């Protein structure tokens, strides 16, 4: 029984189950899409209970990881993705271009932290980058959407409201859950709440996009091509370059994950909010969900191979 429970609660099983459930149920996942903002907010509450601002004292400890994370995640990854999305989708398939802009504007996925721990990355870099960029996203996300989509399509004030609901308010609530008498109980259920919360967010992302998956396979392949270059090619090349420059192994792993992993859930919730009538906008975030899972599997194998080549 314990083995069975470990299997069904394993992060990879939950993610794959969410993808399968979304494809099977399709648009029947719409009720989950309706409450996706509240679900993701709850996930963020429990995700941020493990973060303490004491790790940012003195602030100089956090400044370098924050700056490098912002450069990689919003800067390098963002520019590459938007450039390719503009070339392939801006004219013929504009809703897909909008979906990619939403992905670029999203903060890094909270899954960077457990994934980094799984491959023995630099936990301090991962935690500082994820939570620092979530706060920085209060400024960066509306700015990116305004620059690349314009105020006519996305109201910056509504974006700020979404950011408050998904980042600021959950972070504030999580401070109360860090009370010494409450935190031990929270830690017992945090993993399950985060994993199954992501299930409830990812399933409708895929489900609402399932008809487009099936009806526009060429577009799905083009979207996959953009993400393959931005995540796999850029991620692996960056890892090799940093290793040749003599950077610490933990830093290389965590910064690589920080560069390529975006919060597809955040992008999809924004798509549901602003572009409810066009499921194509949510397709790039849906494909990102699939690619994040694939990237973790293949990147962990890549890291092991690089470790063997380094030691030989």
C-alpha atoms as a PDB file:
ATOM      1  CA  UNK A   1       0.000   0.000   0.000  1.00  0.00           C
ATOM      2  CA  UNK A   2       2.810   2.385   0.909  1.00  0.00           C
ATOM      3  CA  UNK A   3       4.520   1.666  -2.427  1.00  0.00           C
ATOM      4  CA  UNK A   4       1.270   2.423  -4.275  1.00  0.00           C
ATOM      5  CA  UNK A   5       0.839   5.723  -2.403  1.00  0.00           C
ATOM      6  CA  UNK A   6       4.432   6.720  -3.180  1.00  0.00           C
ATOM      7  CA  UNK A   7       3.847   6.048  -6.871  1.00  0.00           C
ATOM      8  CA  UNK A   8       0.603   8.023  -7.190  1.00  0.00           C
ATOM      9  CA  UNK A   9       2.077  10.913  -5.195  1.00  0.00           C
ATOM     10  CA  UNK A  10       5.302  11.045  -7.184  1.00  0.00           C
ATOM     11  CA  UNK A  11       5.743  14.389  -8.942  1.00  0.00           C
ATOM     12  CA  UNK A  12       6.335  12.862 -12.395  1.00  0.00           C
ATOM     13  CA  UNK A  13       3.267  10.608 -12.087  1.00  0.00           C
ATOM     14  CA  UNK A  14       1.059  13.560 -11.129  1.00  0.00           C
ATOM     15  CA  UNK A  15       2.358  15.691 -14.029  1.00  0.00           C
ATOM     16  CA  UNK A  16       1.900  12.904 -16.582  1.00  0.00           C
ATOM     17  CA  UNK A  17      -1.572  12.137 -15.185  1.00  0.00           C
ATOM     18  CA  UNK A  18      -2.510  15.808 -15.593  1.00  0.00           C
ATOM     19  CA  UNK A  19      -1.421  15.752 -19.237  1.00  0.00           C
ATOM     20  CA  UNK A  20      -3.337  12.530 -19.928  1.00  0.00           C
ATOM     21  CA  UNK A  21      -6.446  13.731 -18.077  1.00  0.00           C
ATOM     22  CA  UNK A  22      -6.442  16.980 -20.040  1.00  0.00           C
ATOM     23  CA  UNK A  23      -6.166  15.197 -23.390  1.00  0.00           C
ATOM     24  CA  UNK A  24      -8.876  12.652 -22.493  1.00  0.00           C
ATOM     25  CA  UNK A  25     -11.356  15.067 -20.921  1.00  0.00           C
ATOM     26  CA  UNK A  26     -10.770  17.927 -23.358  1.00  0.00           C
ATOM     27  CA  UNK A  27     -13.157  20.857 -22.935  1.00  0.00           C
ATOM     28  CA  UNK A  28     -14.923  19.040 -20.087  1.00  0.00           C
ATOM     29  CA  UNK A  29     -12.131  20.496 -17.923  1.00  0.00           C
ATOM     30  CA  UNK A  30     -13.665  23.974 -18.309  1.00  0.00           C
ATOM     31  CA  UNK A  31     -14.975  24.043 -14.667  1.00  0.00           C
ATOM     32  CA  UNK A  32     -11.355  23.620 -13.530  1.00  0.00           C
ATOM     33  CA  UNK A  33     -10.300  26.438 -15.869  1.00  0.00           C
ATOM     34  CA  UNK A  34     -12.919  28.685 -14.228  1.00  0.00           C
ATOM     35  CA  UNK A  35     -11.267  28.303 -10.818  1.00  0.00           C
ATOM     36  CA  UNK A  36      -7.668  28.027 -12.082  1.00  0.00           C
ATOM     37  CA  UNK A  37      -6.664  31.405 -10.632  1.00  0.00           C
ATOM     38  CA  UNK A  38      -7.805  30.390  -7.150  1.00  0.00           C
ATOM     39  CA  UNK A  39      -6.146  26.977  -7.488  1.00  0.00           C
ATOM     40  CA  UNK A  40      -2.831  28.471  -8.559  1.00  0.00           C
ATOM     41  CA  UNK A  41      -3.083  31.028  -5.741  1.00  0.00           C
ATOM     42  CA  UNK A  42      -3.438  28.166  -3.225  1.00  0.00           C
ATOM     43  CA  UNK A  43      -0.443  26.394  -4.769  1.00  0.00           C
ATOM     44  CA  UNK A  44       1.589  29.593  -4.437  1.00  0.00           C
ATOM     45  CA  UNK A  45       0.603  29.953  -0.757  1.00  0.00           C
ATOM     46  CA  UNK A  46       2.003  26.515   0.082  1.00  0.00           C
ATOM     47  CA  UNK A  47       4.982  26.831  -2.292  1.00  0.00           C
ATOM     48  CA  UNK A  48       6.173  30.034  -0.623  1.00  0.00           C
ATOM     49  CA  UNK A  49       5.923  28.740   2.979  1.00  0.00           C
ATOM     50  CA  UNK A  50       9.408  27.289   2.522  1.00  0.00           C
ATOM     51  CA  UNK A  51      10.888  30.716   1.764  1.00  0.00           C
ATOM     52  CA  UNK A  52      12.247  33.065   4.424  1.00  0.00           C
ATOM     53  CA  UNK A  53      13.316  36.638   3.743  1.00  0.00           C
ATOM     54  CA  UNK A  54      16.098  36.086   6.302  1.00  0.00           C
ATOM     55  CA  UNK A  55      18.070  34.427   3.499  1.00  0.00           C
ATOM     56  CA  UNK A  56      18.218  37.868   1.849  1.00  0.00           C
ATOM     57  CA  UNK A  57      20.022  39.472   4.795  1.00  0.00           C
ATOM     58  CA  UNK A  58      22.320  41.123   3.924  1.00  0.00           C
ATOM     59  CA  UNK A  59      20.682  41.911   0.585  1.00  0.00           C
ATOM     60  CA  UNK A  60      24.020  41.593  -1.192  1.00  0.00           C
ATOM     61  CA  UNK A  61      23.601  37.812  -0.762  1.00  0.00           C
ATOM     62  CA  UNK A  62      20.540  37.930  -3.001  1.00  0.00           C
ATOM     63  CA  UNK A  63      21.515  40.637  -5.477  1.00  0.00           C
ATOM     64  CA  UNK A  64      23.799  38.598  -7.763  1.00  0.00           C
ATOM     65  CA  UNK A  65      21.503  35.512  -8.029  1.00  0.00           C
ATOM     66  CA  UNK A  66      18.547  37.847  -8.655  1.00  0.00           C
ATOM     67  CA  UNK A  67      20.317  39.801 -11.392  1.00  0.00           C
ATOM     68  CA  UNK A  68      21.615  36.678 -13.147  1.00  0.00           C
ATOM     69  CA  UNK A  69      18.212  34.955 -12.907  1.00  0.00           C
ATOM     70  CA  UNK A  70      16.449  38.000 -14.372  1.00  0.00           C
ATOM     71  CA  UNK A  71      18.946  38.161 -17.246  1.00  0.00           C
ATOM     72  CA  UNK A  72      18.487  34.469 -18.085  1.00  0.00           C
ATOM     73  CA  UNK A  73      14.739  34.084 -17.557  1.00  0.00           C
ATOM     74  CA  UNK A  74      13.222  37.374 -18.699  1.00  0.00           C
ATOM     75  CA  UNK A  75      16.125  38.521 -20.888  1.00  0.00           C
ATOM     76  CA  UNK A  76      17.880  35.760 -22.829  1.00  0.00           C
ATOM     77  CA  UNK A  77      15.080  33.164 -22.890  1.00  0.00           C
ATOM     78  CA  UNK A  78      12.444  35.843 -23.464  1.00  0.00           C
ATOM     79  CA  UNK A  79      14.174  37.479 -26.408  1.00  0.00           C
ATOM     80  CA  UNK A  80      14.881  34.156 -28.151  1.00  0.00           C
ATOM     81  CA  UNK A  81      11.290  32.921 -27.738  1.00  0.00           C
ATOM     82  CA  UNK A  82       9.648  36.181 -28.818  1.00  0.00           C
ATOM     83  CA  UNK A  83      11.965  36.491 -31.830  1.00  0.00           C
ATOM     84  CA  UNK A  84      11.096  32.990 -33.045  1.00  0.00           C
ATOM     85  CA  UNK A  85       7.398  33.408 -32.223  1.00  0.00           C
ATOM     86  CA  UNK A  86       7.345  36.652 -34.243  1.00  0.00           C
ATOM     87  CA  UNK A  87       8.924  34.918 -37.245  1.00  0.00           C
ATOM     88  CA  UNK A  88       6.644  31.860 -37.235  1.00  0.00           C
ATOM     89  CA  UNK A  89       3.334  33.116 -35.842  1.00  0.00           C
ATOM     90  CA  UNK A  90       2.937  36.901 -35.813  1.00  0.00           C
ATOM     91  CA  UNK A  91       1.369  37.165 -39.255  1.00  0.00           C
ATOM     92  CA  UNK A  92      -0.393  33.862 -39.930  1.00  0.00           C
ATOM     93  CA  UNK A  93      -1.243  32.640 -36.389  1.00  0.00           C
ATOM     94  CA  UNK A  94      -1.319  35.682 -34.131  1.00  0.00           C
ATOM     95  CA  UNK A  95      -3.086  33.948 -31.172  1.00  0.00           C
ATOM     96  CA  UNK A  96      -0.109  31.578 -30.875  1.00  0.00           C
ATOM     97  CA  UNK A  97       2.223  34.599 -30.814  1.00  0.00           C
ATOM     98  CA  UNK A  98       0.120  36.062 -27.982  1.00  0.00           C
ATOM     99  CA  UNK A  99       0.427  32.757 -26.107  1.00  0.00           C
ATOM    100  CA  UNK A 100       4.213  32.873 -26.398  1.00  0.00           C
ATOM    101  CA  UNK A 101       4.297  36.460 -25.110  1.00  0.00           C
ATOM    102  CA  UNK A 102       2.273  35.305 -22.081  1.00  0.00           C
ATOM    103  CA  UNK A 103       4.841  32.535 -21.507  1.00  0.00           C
ATOM    104  CA  UNK A 104       7.742  35.013 -21.703  1.00  0.00           C
ATOM    105  CA  UNK A 105       5.972  37.432 -19.344  1.00  0.00           C
ATOM    106  CA  UNK A 106       5.400  34.703 -16.759  1.00  0.00           C
ATOM    107  CA  UNK A 107       7.789  34.321 -13.806  1.00  0.00           C
ATOM    108  CA  UNK A 108       9.906  31.160 -13.507  1.00  0.00           C
ATOM    109  CA  UNK A 109       8.031  28.035 -12.481  1.00  0.00           C
ATOM    110  CA  UNK A 110       8.153  27.192  -8.754  1.00  0.00           C
ATOM    111  CA  UNK A 111       9.141  23.678  -9.860  1.00  0.00           C
ATOM    112  CA  UNK A 112      12.678  25.060 -10.412  1.00  0.00           C
ATOM    113  CA  UNK A 113      13.271  24.580  -6.669  1.00  0.00           C
ATOM    114  CA  UNK A 114      12.382  20.857  -6.292  1.00  0.00           C
ATOM    115  CA  UNK A 115      13.880  20.029  -9.697  1.00  0.00           C
ATOM    116  CA  UNK A 116      17.106  21.781  -8.715  1.00  0.00           C
ATOM    117  CA  UNK A 117      17.221  19.816  -5.450  1.00  0.00           C
ATOM    118  CA  UNK A 118      16.582  16.593  -7.368  1.00  0.00           C
ATOM    119  CA  UNK A 119      19.714  17.093  -9.540  1.00  0.00           C
ATOM    120  CA  UNK A 120      21.847  18.519  -6.695  1.00  0.00           C
ATOM    121  CA  UNK A 121      21.799  22.117  -7.848  1.00  0.00           C
ATOM    122  CA  UNK A 122      22.427  25.259  -5.793  1.00  0.00           C
ATOM    123  CA  UNK A 123      19.321  25.498  -3.579  1.00  0.00           C
ATOM    124  CA  UNK A 124      20.091  29.045  -2.423  1.00  0.00           C
ATOM    125  CA  UNK A 125      20.356  30.266  -6.029  1.00  0.00           C
ATOM    126  CA  UNK A 126      17.100  28.502  -6.965  1.00  0.00           C
ATOM    127  CA  UNK A 127      15.090  29.811  -4.012  1.00  0.00           C
ATOM    128  CA  UNK A 128      16.431  33.359  -4.366  1.00  0.00           C
ATOM    129  CA  UNK A 129      15.845  33.392  -8.119  1.00  0.00           C
ATOM    130  CA  UNK A 130      12.324  31.961  -8.041  1.00  0.00           C
ATOM    131  CA  UNK A 131      10.923  34.130  -5.283  1.00  0.00           C
ATOM    132  CA  UNK A 132      12.913  37.197  -6.276  1.00  0.00           C
ATOM    133  CA  UNK A 133      11.661  36.996  -9.869  1.00  0.00           C
ATOM    134  CA  UNK A 134       8.096  36.442  -8.669  1.00  0.00           C
ATOM    135  CA  UNK A 135       8.350  39.793  -6.902  1.00  0.00           C
ATOM    136  CA  UNK A 136      10.131  41.375  -9.877  1.00  0.00           C
ATOM    137  CA  UNK A 137       7.342  40.025 -12.096  1.00  0.00           C
ATOM    138  CA  UNK A 138       5.019  42.579 -10.495  1.00  0.00           C
ATOM    139  CA  UNK A 139       6.930  45.077 -12.660  1.00  0.00           C
ATOM    140  CA  UNK A 140       8.236  42.947 -15.535  1.00  0.00           C
ATOM    141  CA  UNK A 141       5.057  41.094 -16.506  1.00  0.00           C
ATOM    142  CA  UNK A 142       2.866  44.167 -17.180  1.00  0.00           C
ATOM    143  CA  UNK A 143       5.828  45.840 -18.926  1.00  0.00           C
ATOM    144  CA  UNK A 144       6.479  42.874 -21.259  1.00  0.00           C
ATOM    145  CA  UNK A 145       2.791  42.535 -22.133  1.00  0.00           C
ATOM    146  CA  UNK A 146       2.492  46.269 -22.745  1.00  0.00           C
ATOM    147  CA  UNK A 147       5.567  46.376 -25.020  1.00  0.00           C
ATOM    148  CA  UNK A 148       4.777  43.284 -27.113  1.00  0.00           C
ATOM    149  CA  UNK A 149       0.958  43.254 -27.081  1.00  0.00           C
ATOM    150  CA  UNK A 150      -0.064  46.821 -26.321  1.00  0.00           C
ATOM    151  CA  UNK A 151      -2.596  48.233 -23.884  1.00  0.00           C
ATOM    152  CA  UNK A 152      -5.482  47.581 -26.279  1.00  0.00           C
ATOM    153  CA  UNK A 153      -5.164  43.808 -25.832  1.00  0.00           C
ATOM    154  CA  UNK A 154      -4.091  43.596 -22.192  1.00  0.00           C
ATOM    155  CA  UNK A 155      -5.095  46.091 -19.519  1.00  0.00           C
ATOM    156  CA  UNK A 156      -2.024  46.688 -17.300  1.00  0.00           C
ATOM    157  CA  UNK A 157      -4.235  47.391 -14.278  1.00  0.00           C
ATOM    158  CA  UNK A 158      -5.939  44.006 -14.631  1.00  0.00           C
ATOM    159  CA  UNK A 159      -2.519  42.361 -14.980  1.00  0.00           C
ATOM    160  CA  UNK A 160      -1.408  44.011 -11.729  1.00  0.00           C
ATOM    161  CA  UNK A 161      -4.568  42.676 -10.095  1.00  0.00           C
ATOM    162  CA  UNK A 162      -3.742  39.160 -11.314  1.00  0.00           C
ATOM    163  CA  UNK A 163      -0.160  39.521 -10.082  1.00  0.00           C
ATOM    164  CA  UNK A 164      -1.461  40.564  -6.666  1.00  0.00           C
ATOM    165  CA  UNK A 165      -3.808  37.553  -6.532  1.00  0.00           C
ATOM    166  CA  UNK A 166      -1.204  35.042  -7.673  1.00  0.00           C
ATOM    167  CA  UNK A 167       1.992  36.388  -6.091  1.00  0.00           C
ATOM    168  CA  UNK A 168       1.645  39.167  -3.526  1.00  0.00           C
ATOM    169  CA  UNK A 169      -1.373  37.921  -1.530  1.00  0.00           C
ATOM    170  CA  UNK A 170      -0.189  34.252  -1.434  1.00  0.00           C
ATOM    171  CA  UNK A 171       3.246  35.424  -0.271  1.00  0.00           C
ATOM    172  CA  UNK A 172       1.680  37.471   2.520  1.00  0.00           C
ATOM    173  CA  UNK A 173      -0.599  34.600   3.607  1.00  0.00           C
ATOM    174  CA  UNK A 174       2.364  32.225   3.621  1.00  0.00           C
ATOM    175  CA  UNK A 175       4.091  34.443   6.222  1.00  0.00           C
ATOM    176  CA  UNK A 176       1.322  33.558   8.701  1.00  0.00           C
ATOM    177  CA  UNK A 177       1.680  29.857   7.861  1.00  0.00           C
ATOM    178  CA  UNK A 178       5.365  30.096   8.789  1.00  0.00           C
ATOM    179  CA  UNK A 179       4.400  30.508  12.456  1.00  0.00           C
ATOM    180  CA  UNK A 180       6.444  27.949  14.468  1.00  0.00           C
ATOM    181  CA  UNK A 181       3.276  26.194  15.678  1.00  0.00           C
ATOM    182  CA  UNK A 182       1.737  25.996  12.189  1.00  0.00           C
ATOM    183  CA  UNK A 183       4.703  25.402   9.866  1.00  0.00           C
ATOM    184  CA  UNK A 184       5.393  21.767  10.914  1.00  0.00           C
ATOM    185  CA  UNK A 185       1.821  20.804   9.997  1.00  0.00           C
ATOM    186  CA  UNK A 186       2.030  22.758   6.732  1.00  0.00           C
ATOM    187  CA  UNK A 187       5.253  20.966   5.793  1.00  0.00           C
ATOM    188  CA  UNK A 188       3.508  17.595   6.150  1.00  0.00           C
ATOM    189  CA  UNK A 189       1.003  18.406   3.405  1.00  0.00           C
ATOM    190  CA  UNK A 190       2.896  21.003   1.347  1.00  0.00           C
ATOM    191  CA  UNK A 191       4.223  18.545  -1.215  1.00  0.00           C
ATOM    192  CA  UNK A 192       0.831  16.923  -1.816  1.00  0.00           C
ATOM    193  CA  UNK A 193      -1.000  20.270  -2.047  1.00  0.00           C
ATOM    194  CA  UNK A 194       1.527  21.673  -4.548  1.00  0.00           C
ATOM    195  CA  UNK A 195       1.628  18.544  -6.726  1.00  0.00           C
ATOM    196  CA  UNK A 196      -2.126  17.976  -6.893  1.00  0.00           C
ATOM    197  CA  UNK A 197      -2.743  21.700  -7.145  1.00  0.00           C
ATOM    198  CA  UNK A 198      -0.595  21.719 -10.279  1.00  0.00           C
ATOM    199  CA  UNK A 199      -2.647  18.760 -11.508  1.00  0.00           C
ATOM    200  CA  UNK A 200      -5.817  20.854 -11.199  1.00  0.00           C
ATOM    201  CA  UNK A 201      -4.159  23.707 -13.121  1.00  0.00           C
ATOM    202  CA  UNK A 202      -2.329  21.738 -15.839  1.00  0.00           C
ATOM    203  CA  UNK A 203      -5.267  19.438 -16.692  1.00  0.00           C
ATOM    204  CA  UNK A 204      -7.503  22.314 -17.902  1.00  0.00           C
ATOM    205  CA  UNK A 205      -4.543  23.980 -19.666  1.00  0.00           C
ATOM    206  CA  UNK A 206      -4.154  20.860 -21.801  1.00  0.00           C
ATOM    207  CA  UNK A 207      -7.882  20.099 -21.882  1.00  0.00           C
ATOM    208  CA  UNK A 208      -8.987  23.479 -23.201  1.00  0.00           C
ATOM    209  CA  UNK A 209      -6.239  23.287 -25.843  1.00  0.00           C
ATOM    210  CA  UNK A 210      -6.907  19.638 -26.797  1.00  0.00           C
ATOM    211  CA  UNK A 211      -9.132  20.478 -29.816  1.00  0.00           C
ATOM    212  CA  UNK A 212      -6.339  22.670 -31.220  1.00  0.00           C
ATOM    213  CA  UNK A 213      -3.783  19.922 -30.528  1.00  0.00           C
ATOM    214  CA  UNK A 214      -5.780  17.606 -32.757  1.00  0.00           C
ATOM    215  CA  UNK A 215      -6.982  20.063 -35.399  1.00  0.00           C
ATOM    216  CA  UNK A 216      -3.712  21.961 -36.015  1.00  0.00           C
ATOM    217  CA  UNK A 217      -0.863  19.416 -35.753  1.00  0.00           C
ATOM    218  CA  UNK A 218       1.442  21.532 -37.956  1.00  0.00           C
ATOM    219  CA  UNK A 219       1.080  24.507 -35.600  1.00  0.00           C
ATOM    220  CA  UNK A 220       1.754  22.237 -32.618  1.00  0.00           C
ATOM    221  CA  UNK A 221       4.949  21.027 -34.302  1.00  0.00           C
ATOM    222  CA  UNK A 222       6.055  24.632 -34.941  1.00  0.00           C
ATOM    223  CA  UNK A 223       5.342  25.566 -31.313  1.00  0.00           C
ATOM    224  CA  UNK A 224       7.289  22.486 -30.209  1.00  0.00           C
ATOM    225  CA  UNK A 225      10.161  23.512 -32.476  1.00  0.00           C
ATOM    226  CA  UNK A 226      10.392  26.953 -30.860  1.00  0.00           C
ATOM    227  CA  UNK A 227      10.380  25.420 -27.362  1.00  0.00           C
ATOM    228  CA  UNK A 228      12.893  22.727 -28.336  1.00  0.00           C
ATOM    229  CA  UNK A 229      15.385  25.404 -29.434  1.00  0.00           C
ATOM    230  CA  UNK A 230      14.683  27.703 -26.455  1.00  0.00           C
ATOM    231  CA  UNK A 231      14.753  24.963 -23.812  1.00  0.00           C
ATOM    232  CA  UNK A 232      16.811  21.992 -25.003  1.00  0.00           C
ATOM    233  CA  UNK A 233      19.320  23.581 -27.379  1.00  0.00           C
ATOM    234  CA  UNK A 234      19.860  26.758 -25.333  1.00  0.00           C
ATOM    235  CA  UNK A 235      19.793  24.893 -22.022  1.00  0.00           C
ATOM    236  CA  UNK A 236      22.331  22.247 -22.997  1.00  0.00           C
ATOM    237  CA  UNK A 237      24.644  24.724 -24.783  1.00  0.00           C
ATOM    238  CA  UNK A 238      24.532  27.052 -21.765  1.00  0.00           C
ATOM    239  CA  UNK A 239      25.399  24.157 -19.431  1.00  0.00           C
ATOM    240  CA  UNK A 240      28.431  23.192 -21.556  1.00  0.00           C
ATOM    241  CA  UNK A 241      29.647  26.798 -21.825  1.00  0.00           C
ATOM    242  CA  UNK A 242      29.365  27.392 -18.070  1.00  0.00           C
ATOM    243  CA  UNK A 243      31.199  24.123 -17.368  1.00  0.00           C
ATOM    244  CA  UNK A 244      34.031  25.101 -19.717  1.00  0.00           C
ATOM    245  CA  UNK A 245      34.254  28.457 -17.937  1.00  0.00           C
ATOM    246  CA  UNK A 246      34.801  26.588 -14.682  1.00  0.00           C
ATOM    247  CA  UNK A 247      31.578  27.607 -12.951  1.00  0.00           C
ATOM    248  CA  UNK A 248      30.442  25.525  -9.941  1.00  0.00           C
ATOM    249  CA  UNK A 249      28.277  22.507 -10.798  1.00  0.00           C
ATOM    250  CA  UNK A 250      25.402  23.546  -8.513  1.00  0.00           C
ATOM    251  CA  UNK A 251      25.274  27.039 -10.015  1.00  0.00           C
ATOM    252  CA  UNK A 252      25.252  25.649 -13.566  1.00  0.00           C
ATOM    253  CA  UNK A 253      22.327  23.322 -12.855  1.00  0.00           C
ATOM    254  CA  UNK A 254      20.189  25.860 -11.012  1.00  0.00           C
ATOM    255  CA  UNK A 255      20.838  28.682 -13.461  1.00  0.00           C
ATOM    256  CA  UNK A 256      20.054  26.405 -16.429  1.00  0.00           C
ATOM    257  CA  UNK A 257      16.706  25.471 -14.883  1.00  0.00           C
ATOM    258  CA  UNK A 258      16.076  29.122 -14.058  1.00  0.00           C
ATOM    259  CA  UNK A 259      16.608  30.067 -17.683  1.00  0.00           C
ATOM    260  CA  UNK A 260      14.303  27.558 -19.367  1.00  0.00           C
ATOM    261  CA  UNK A 261      11.485  26.798 -16.899  1.00  0.00           C
ATOM    262  CA  UNK A 262       8.579  29.225 -17.038  1.00  0.00           C
ATOM    263  CA  UNK A 263       5.331  29.070 -15.085  1.00  0.00           C
ATOM    264  CA  UNK A 264       3.051  27.677 -17.785  1.00  0.00           C
ATOM    265  CA  UNK A 265       0.270  27.668 -15.196  1.00  0.00           C
ATOM    266  CA  UNK A 266       0.586  31.436 -14.732  1.00  0.00           C
ATOM    267  CA  UNK A 267       0.625  32.008 -18.501  1.00  0.00           C
ATOM    268  CA  UNK A 268      -2.431  29.801 -18.982  1.00  0.00           C
ATOM    269  CA  UNK A 269      -4.401  31.485 -16.199  1.00  0.00           C
ATOM    270  CA  UNK A 270      -3.668  34.846 -17.843  1.00  0.00           C
ATOM    271  CA  UNK A 271      -4.782  33.391 -21.195  1.00  0.00           C
ATOM    272  CA  UNK A 272      -8.042  32.160 -19.647  1.00  0.00           C
ATOM    273  CA  UNK A 273      -8.634  35.592 -18.127  1.00  0.00           C
ATOM    274  CA  UNK A 274      -7.990  37.784 -21.192  1.00  0.00           C
ATOM    275  CA  UNK A 275      -8.597  35.459 -24.153  1.00  0.00           C
ATOM    276  CA  UNK A 276     -11.303  33.078 -22.981  1.00  0.00           C
ATOM    277  CA  UNK A 277     -12.880  32.952 -26.453  1.00  0.00           C
ATOM    278  CA  UNK A 278      -9.754  31.703 -28.246  1.00  0.00           C
ATOM    279  CA  UNK A 279      -8.280  28.410 -27.014  1.00  0.00           C
ATOM    280  CA  UNK A 280      -5.290  28.853 -29.364  1.00  0.00           C
ATOM    281  CA  UNK A 281      -3.785  31.460 -27.007  1.00  0.00           C
ATOM    282  CA  UNK A 282      -3.495  28.818 -24.271  1.00  0.00           C
ATOM    283  CA  UNK A 283      -1.801  26.301 -26.600  1.00  0.00           C
ATOM    284  CA  UNK A 284       1.823  27.516 -26.130  1.00  0.00           C
ATOM    285  CA  UNK A 285       1.475  27.361 -22.293  1.00  0.00           C
ATOM    286  CA  UNK A 286      -0.018  23.872 -22.687  1.00  0.00           C
ATOM    287  CA  UNK A 287       2.934  22.716 -24.810  1.00  0.00           C
ATOM    288  CA  UNK A 288       5.306  24.321 -22.287  1.00  0.00           C
ATOM    289  CA  UNK A 289       3.775  22.079 -19.584  1.00  0.00           C
ATOM    290  CA  UNK A 290       4.686  19.025 -21.657  1.00  0.00           C
ATOM    291  CA  UNK A 291       8.176  20.303 -22.465  1.00  0.00           C
ATOM    292  CA  UNK A 292       9.023  21.124 -18.838  1.00  0.00           C
ATOM    293  CA  UNK A 293       8.367  17.489 -17.894  1.00  0.00           C
ATOM    294  CA  UNK A 294      10.415  16.226 -20.855  1.00  0.00           C
ATOM    295  CA  UNK A 295      13.245  18.671 -20.141  1.00  0.00           C
ATOM    296  CA  UNK A 296      13.644  17.516 -16.541  1.00  0.00           C
ATOM    297  CA  UNK A 297      13.856  13.869 -17.626  1.00  0.00           C
ATOM    298  CA  UNK A 298      16.428  14.481 -20.372  1.00  0.00           C
ATOM    299  CA  UNK A 299      18.383  17.170 -18.528  1.00  0.00           C
ATOM    300  CA  UNK A 300      18.932  14.891 -15.535  1.00  0.00           C
ATOM    301  CA  UNK A 301      20.367  12.270 -17.933  1.00  0.00           C
ATOM    302  CA  UNK A 302      22.495  14.968 -19.602  1.00  0.00           C
ATOM    303  CA  UNK A 303      23.867  16.121 -16.223  1.00  0.00           C
ATOM    304  CA  UNK A 304      24.875  12.560 -15.328  1.00  0.00           C
ATOM    305  CA  UNK A 305      26.694  12.197 -18.651  1.00  0.00           C
ATOM    306  CA  UNK A 306      28.490  15.539 -18.158  1.00  0.00           C
ATOM    307  CA  UNK A 307      29.480  14.475 -14.623  1.00  0.00           C
ATOM    308  CA  UNK A 308      30.984  11.242 -15.972  1.00  0.00           C
ATOM    309  CA  UNK A 309      32.924  13.107 -18.683  1.00  0.00           C
ATOM    310  CA  UNK A 310      34.210  15.586 -16.084  1.00  0.00           C
ATOM    311  CA  UNK A 311      35.443  12.849 -13.720  1.00  0.00           C
ATOM    312  CA  UNK A 312      37.062  10.718 -16.476  1.00  0.00           C
END
